[in-house]
Structure formats: C-alpha cells, structure tokens
Protein backbone atom coordinates (compact mmCIF):
# COMPACT_ATOMS: atom_id res chain seq x y z
CA MET A 1 15.51 3.71 10.21
CA GLN A 2 15.27 3.48 6.44
CA LEU A 3 11.88 3.29 4.71
CA VAL A 4 11.06 2.82 1.04
CA VAL A 5 9.11 5.92 0.00
CA ALA A 6 8.86 5.44 -3.78
CA ARG A 7 9.85 3.39 -6.81
CA ILE A 8 11.08 5.12 -9.95
CA GLY A 9 9.05 4.35 -13.06
CA ARG A 10 9.76 5.23 -16.67
CA ALA A 11 11.31 8.39 -18.02
CA HIS A 12 8.97 11.26 -18.86
CA GLY A 13 9.98 13.57 -21.67
CA ILE A 14 13.56 14.29 -22.69
CA LYS A 15 14.83 16.47 -19.82
CA GLY A 16 15.45 13.81 -17.16
CA GLU A 17 12.09 13.61 -15.40
CA VAL A 18 10.80 10.25 -14.16
CA THR A 19 7.41 8.98 -13.05
CA VAL A 20 7.28 7.78 -9.47
CA GLU A 21 5.17 5.14 -7.75
CA VAL A 22 4.64 6.75 -4.34
CA ARG A 23 4.89 4.44 -1.31
CA THR A 24 4.45 6.98 1.45
CA ASP A 25 1.44 8.82 2.84
CA GLU A 26 3.57 11.95 3.12
CA PRO A 27 5.04 12.56 -0.34
CA GLU A 28 5.11 16.33 0.25
CA LEU A 29 7.54 15.70 3.13
CA ARG A 30 9.57 12.71 1.89
CA LEU A 31 9.76 13.61 -1.83
CA ALA A 32 10.22 17.39 -1.63
CA PRO A 33 12.86 19.28 -3.62
CA GLY A 34 16.17 19.11 -1.76
CA ALA A 35 15.47 15.71 -0.18
CA VAL A 36 18.43 13.33 -0.38
CA LEU A 37 17.37 9.70 -0.73
CA ALA A 38 19.31 6.47 -0.57
CA THR A 39 18.58 3.94 -3.32
CA ASP A 40 18.21 0.24 -3.90
CA PRO A 41 20.38 -0.66 -5.73
CA ALA A 42 22.81 1.49 -3.76
CA THR A 43 24.93 2.12 -6.88
CA ALA A 44 22.17 4.36 -8.30
CA GLY A 45 22.35 6.88 -5.47
CA PRO A 46 22.15 8.75 -3.33
CA LEU A 47 19.77 10.93 -5.31
CA THR A 48 18.84 14.53 -4.53
CA ILE A 49 15.44 15.71 -5.71
CA GLU A 50 15.77 18.83 -7.84
CA THR A 51 12.12 19.36 -8.81
CA GLY A 52 8.77 17.66 -8.43
CA ARG A 53 5.38 18.18 -10.02
CA VAL A 54 2.13 16.38 -10.64
CA HIS A 55 1.19 15.70 -14.26
CA SER A 56 -2.03 13.83 -15.19
CA GLY A 57 -2.30 12.45 -11.67
CA ARG A 58 1.29 11.10 -11.57
CA LEU A 59 4.17 12.50 -9.56
CA LEU A 60 7.14 13.45 -11.73
CA LEU A 61 10.58 14.02 -10.20
CA ARG A 62 13.86 15.29 -11.57
CA PHE A 63 17.09 14.51 -9.75
CA GLU A 64 20.27 16.58 -9.63
CA GLY A 65 22.69 15.36 -12.28
CA VAL A 66 20.01 13.54 -14.31
CA LYS A 67 19.65 15.76 -17.36
CA ASP A 68 18.32 13.57 -20.18
CA ARG A 69 15.97 10.71 -20.97
CA THR A 70 18.75 8.11 -21.15
CA ALA A 71 19.97 8.91 -17.63
CA ALA A 72 16.38 8.95 -16.35
CA GLU A 73 15.57 5.60 -17.97
CA ALA A 74 18.65 4.07 -16.31
CA LEU A 75 17.01 4.74 -12.92
CA ARG A 76 13.86 2.75 -13.75
CA ASN A 77 12.71 0.38 -10.94
CA THR A 78 15.12 1.95 -8.44
CA LEU A 79 13.67 2.17 -4.92
CA LEU A 80 13.96 5.51 -3.12
CA ILE A 81 14.71 5.19 0.59
CA ALA A 82 14.36 7.90 3.25
CA ASP A 83 15.95 7.99 6.68
CA VAL A 84 13.17 8.30 9.24
CA ASP A 85 13.45 8.67 13.00
CA PRO A 86 11.89 5.48 14.46
CA ALA A 87 10.15 7.56 17.14
CA GLU A 88 8.47 9.76 14.51
CA LEU A 89 4.73 9.17 14.19
CA PRO A 90 2.24 10.29 11.52
CA GLU A 91 0.23 13.40 12.37
CA ASP A 92 -3.10 11.55 12.13
CA PRO A 93 -3.57 9.05 15.00
CA GLU A 94 -5.47 6.76 12.58
CA GLU A 95 -2.43 6.45 10.29
CA PHE A 96 0.55 4.16 10.76
CA TYR A 97 3.95 3.68 9.23
CA ASP A 98 4.65 0.23 7.81
CA HIS A 99 7.37 -0.42 10.39
CA GLN A 100 4.81 0.08 13.19
CA LEU A 101 2.54 -2.61 11.72
CA MET A 102 5.15 -5.22 10.81
CA ASP A 103 5.16 -8.28 13.10
CA LEU A 104 1.91 -7.33 14.85
CA ASP A 105 -0.13 -10.33 15.98
CA VAL A 106 -3.44 -10.58 14.12
CA VAL A 107 -6.36 -11.77 16.24
CA LEU A 108 -10.14 -12.00 15.98
CA ALA A 109 -12.30 -9.90 18.31
CA ASP A 110 -12.64 -12.92 20.64
CA GLY A 111 -8.84 -13.23 20.88
CA THR A 112 -8.42 -16.17 18.48
CA ALA A 113 -4.93 -15.96 16.96
CA ILE A 114 -4.79 -15.73 13.15
CA GLY A 115 -1.07 -15.07 12.60
CA ARG A 116 1.33 -12.16 12.30
CA ILE A 117 1.87 -9.44 9.73
CA THR A 118 4.94 -10.23 7.62
CA GLU A 119 4.41 -7.81 4.74
CA ILE A 120 2.29 -4.84 3.74
CA THR A 121 1.32 -4.44 0.10
CA HIS A 122 0.24 -1.02 -1.13
CA LEU A 123 -2.35 -1.18 -3.88
CA PRO A 124 -4.03 1.80 -5.56
CA SER A 125 -7.38 1.17 -3.86
CA GLN A 126 -6.23 -0.12 -0.46
CA ASP A 127 -3.39 -1.65 1.49
CA LEU A 128 -3.16 -5.38 2.26
CA PHE A 129 -1.64 -7.11 5.26
CA ILE A 130 0.13 -10.34 4.32
CA VAL A 131 -0.39 -12.49 7.42
CA GLU A 132 1.60 -15.66 8.06
CA ARG A 133 -0.54 -18.31 9.75
CA PRO A 134 0.89 -20.68 12.40
CA ASP A 135 0.89 -23.50 9.80
CA GLY A 136 3.10 -21.42 7.45
CA SER A 137 0.32 -20.51 5.00
CA GLU A 138 -0.45 -16.88 4.20
CA VAL A 139 -3.69 -14.93 4.13
CA MET A 140 -4.25 -11.43 2.74
CA ILE A 141 -6.25 -9.05 4.94
CA PRO A 142 -7.48 -5.77 3.40
CA PHE A 143 -6.44 -2.90 5.68
CA VAL A 144 -9.88 -1.27 5.76
CA GLU A 145 -11.82 -0.06 8.78
CA GLU A 146 -14.64 -2.58 8.28
CA ILE A 147 -12.21 -5.52 8.65
CA VAL A 148 -9.30 -4.20 10.74
CA THR A 149 -11.24 -2.81 13.68
CA GLU A 150 -8.33 -1.97 16.00
CA ILE A 151 -4.59 -1.44 15.90
CA ASP A 152 -3.12 -1.65 19.41
CA LEU A 153 0.57 -0.79 19.26
CA ASP A 154 0.99 -1.16 23.03
CA GLU A 155 -0.28 -4.74 22.89
CA GLN A 156 1.37 -5.31 19.48
CA ARG A 157 -1.79 -6.63 17.85
CA ALA A 158 -4.29 -5.96 15.09
CA VAL A 159 -7.88 -6.98 15.79
CA ILE A 160 -9.92 -8.05 12.78
CA THR A 161 -13.55 -8.88 12.04
CA PRO A 162 -13.29 -10.75 8.74
CA PRO A 163 -16.22 -11.51 6.44
CA PRO A 164 -17.01 -15.21 5.90
CA GLY A 165 -14.41 -16.89 3.73
CA LEU A 166 -11.59 -14.37 4.21
CA ILE A 167 -9.72 -16.48 6.76
CA ASP A 168 -11.25 -19.91 6.10
CA ALA A 169 -12.22 -20.61 2.49
CA SER A 170 -14.65 -23.32 3.62
CA GLU A 171 -16.83 -20.58 5.17
CA ALA A 172 -17.12 -18.66 1.91
CA VAL A 173 -20.60 -17.99 0.60
CA VAL A 174 -20.64 -18.19 -3.19
CA ALA A 175 -23.63 -16.81 -5.04
CA SER A 176 -23.66 -16.84 -8.82
CA ALA A 177 -25.13 -14.03 -10.85
CA ARG A 178 -27.76 -16.45 -12.20
CA GLU A 179 -28.99 -17.23 -8.66
CA ALA A 180 -29.19 -13.54 -7.86
CA GLU A 181 -31.22 -12.85 -11.01
CA SER A 182 -33.59 -15.80 -10.55
CA GLY A 183 -34.29 -14.79 -6.96
CA SER A 184 -35.55 -11.40 -8.07
CA GLU A 185 -37.77 -12.49 -10.99
CA GLY A 186 -41.11 -10.78 -11.00
CA SER A 187 -40.08 -8.24 -8.39
CA GLU A 188 -39.34 -5.44 -10.82
CA PRO A 189 -41.77 -4.06 -13.39
CA LYS A 190 -40.86 -4.76 -16.98
CA ALA A 191 -41.35 -2.47 -19.93
CA GLY A 192 -44.98 -2.48 -20.92
CA ASP A 193 -46.29 -3.33 -17.41
CA ALA A 194 -48.94 -0.94 -16.25
C-alpha cells in the first residue's frame, strides 16, 4: 500500500536541500537517509533521500542527484509516497495510520449514525476527520481524545461525544465577549479597592 508521508516545500540554501511538510507520525522511519520514495507527480521520482536534518524546527532533506537550488525548487509541492505493508501497525496502540481510519462509520455513544470518514486532514495542532453525512453534507470532527472517545477497528467505527454545535449548528451556544464581561462585573476587585 502506498501512503503519502510528506510534501516537499521550498528550497533551502543553494546545495539542493528542501523543506518538508511531514505527513507521517514516523518520520525517522519513513524519511530516513537511504529511503526510496515514489512521487506525485510520478515524473519527479522516485527520489532517494541522501541526508536529513532538522533546522529551526523544520525537517530539511537532500535527495540523490539534486545538487543545487534550481533542482530543489523544481520539486516544490511534490508528494513523497512510501510503500507500507497494509498489515503493519504503529507501535503505540493509541495511534492509527490514515488508511485504518478511512471509511470508518462515525457514531454517537448511543449508536446514532453521523456518517463515515472520507478524508483526514493533518493540521499543525491536531488532525481532523472529514465526515460525509447521509445527506451528502460534510462535518469536520477534531481527532482529539475528548471528542473521539473510541476507535474500534474490528467494528469499523469511531465513537464520538461532540460538544453542542459540532454536529448540528442549531445546538451551538454562542456567548459574546460582552456577555461574558457583563456577567462578571463587580466580582473582581478593581485598582484602588481596599
């Protein structure tokens, strides 16, 4: 099975290094020197990682045969794809590969069907499930422990406990900052109070 493990960003320096947007929880395994990765578009690869290092919190890679900034810049926005055994599982039982989560049914704790996972978006702060509802609409579910309470691969479902308004906008509770401030008037001492 092929999985996208990174997207190449802009060139870094003049010796062929590129920044990389990591899309795997195991970059030390998938993006190690010597790894051969397929690419999208396929015409850019395959690429073999020559070196890798972290600089200012960003992963920088250099590929065999890419020796200057021009060649590195030509790879910008290329997806790096690793071949992964479908039976392979992450070491941590609380971690999952994207392919394990795709097409899971999403249900509430009481069994009410919400939809199915059609996409997983990886953001810097958290991952999001894109869930297609039975009516064709989509809802985004943050993949955090407080909301996604159970992943049951045997039953092919994700159990969620959403806060009000996440699934049904009519249930949302909207409080303005002004209401919050007016509700606390007089409760805190002000300068000069004794």
